[in-house]
Amino acid sequence: MAKGILLLDYLPTRCADCELRNSISIDNTVCHVNMKSINDSEYFGKKPSWCSLRDRDKFIEDIRCRCYEMGLDESQTEIIVSELN
């Protein structure tokens, strides 16, 4: 499956603050990123664990760690990271 990166001006801390959800009705809110229904505790509480929205800096650090685990050297890692910036 192809993957992409979506840049947001801010990272929401709960579904209620996220622009990537649709409130069809009071009892039927859907996340457009994962196409999952959002219950009230997920909507008003902290961001659910299944949410794929992550902080950009943490994402870059995760990529660096994965490159290291794969045995890539520093220059190869920087080429991959530079493509994400």
Protein backbone atom coordinates (compact mmCIF):
# COMPACT_ATOMS: atom_id res chain seq x y z
CA MET A 1 0.00 0.00 0.00
CA ALA A 2 1.32 3.45 -0.88
CA LYS A 3 1.93 5.83 1.99
CA GLY A 4 2.09 9.60 2.20
CA ILE A 5 2.71 12.41 4.63
CA LEU A 6 0.10 15.00 5.55
CA LEU A 7 1.36 18.22 7.18
CA LEU A 8 -0.98 19.99 9.59
CA ASP A 9 -0.44 23.40 11.17
CA TYR A 10 -0.96 21.83 14.58
CA LEU A 11 -1.20 18.33 16.01
CA PRO A 12 -4.57 17.80 17.70
CA THR A 13 -4.53 16.19 21.13
CA ARG A 14 -8.06 14.79 20.82
CA CYS A 15 -10.48 13.90 18.04
CA ALA A 16 -12.78 16.83 18.87
CA ASP A 17 -10.01 19.24 17.79
CA CYS A 18 -9.06 17.35 14.62
CA GLU A 19 -10.09 18.59 11.18
CA LEU A 20 -9.81 15.08 9.75
CA ARG A 21 -13.03 13.80 11.28
CA ASN A 22 -16.61 14.05 10.17
CA SER A 23 -19.55 14.48 12.51
CA ILE A 24 -22.31 12.80 10.55
CA SER A 25 -24.56 12.84 13.58
CA ILE A 26 -24.18 13.03 17.32
CA ASP A 27 -23.77 9.25 17.58
CA ASN A 28 -21.73 8.70 14.41
CA THR A 29 -18.38 10.48 14.16
CA VAL A 30 -15.83 9.02 11.73
CA CYS A 31 -12.05 9.50 11.48
CA HIS A 32 -11.18 10.13 7.82
CA VAL A 33 -7.56 9.04 8.30
CA ASN A 34 -8.35 5.51 9.51
CA MET A 35 -12.05 5.31 8.54
CA LYS A 36 -12.94 4.28 12.10
CA SER A 37 -15.94 5.26 14.13
CA ILE A 38 -15.07 7.45 17.10
CA ASN A 39 -16.86 6.88 20.39
CA ASP A 40 -17.50 9.65 22.94
CA SER A 41 -14.50 8.83 25.14
CA GLU A 42 -12.16 8.95 22.12
CA TYR A 43 -13.83 12.09 20.79
CA PHE A 44 -13.55 14.13 23.99
CA GLY A 45 -10.62 12.35 25.66
CA LYS A 46 -6.97 12.03 24.71
CA LYS A 47 -6.02 11.05 21.17
CA PRO A 48 -6.68 7.30 20.74
CA SER A 49 -3.72 4.92 20.45
CA TRP A 50 -4.84 3.86 16.95
CA CYS A 51 -4.49 7.43 15.62
CA SER A 52 -1.73 7.59 13.01
CA LEU A 53 -1.12 11.36 13.33
CA ARG A 54 2.32 11.89 14.86
CA ASP A 55 4.62 14.77 15.65
CA ARG A 56 6.97 15.41 12.70
CA ASP A 57 10.14 15.51 14.82
CA LYS A 58 9.23 12.22 16.51
CA PHE A 59 8.49 10.71 13.09
CA ILE A 60 11.93 11.76 11.77
CA GLU A 61 13.60 10.30 14.86
CA ASP A 62 11.70 7.02 14.36
CA ILE A 63 12.95 6.90 10.76
CA ARG A 64 16.54 7.46 11.95
CA CYS A 65 16.18 4.58 14.45
CA ARG A 66 14.78 2.26 11.79
CA CYS A 67 17.64 3.12 9.43
CA TYR A 68 20.13 2.32 12.20
CA GLU A 69 18.37 -1.00 12.93
CA MET A 70 18.56 -1.86 9.21
CA GLY A 71 22.32 -1.26 9.24
CA LEU A 72 22.36 1.87 7.08
CA ASP A 73 25.27 4.24 7.63
CA GLU A 74 24.93 7.93 8.53
CA SER A 75 25.12 9.22 4.94
CA GLN A 76 22.41 6.82 3.73
CA THR A 77 20.21 7.80 6.66
CA GLU A 78 20.65 11.52 5.92
CA ILE A 79 19.63 10.98 2.29
CA ILE A 80 16.39 9.31 3.43
CA VAL A 81 15.68 11.97 6.06
CA SER A 82 16.42 14.82 3.63
CA GLU A 83 13.74 13.45 1.30
CA LEU A 84 11.20 13.87 4.13
CA ASN A 85 12.07 17.51 4.83
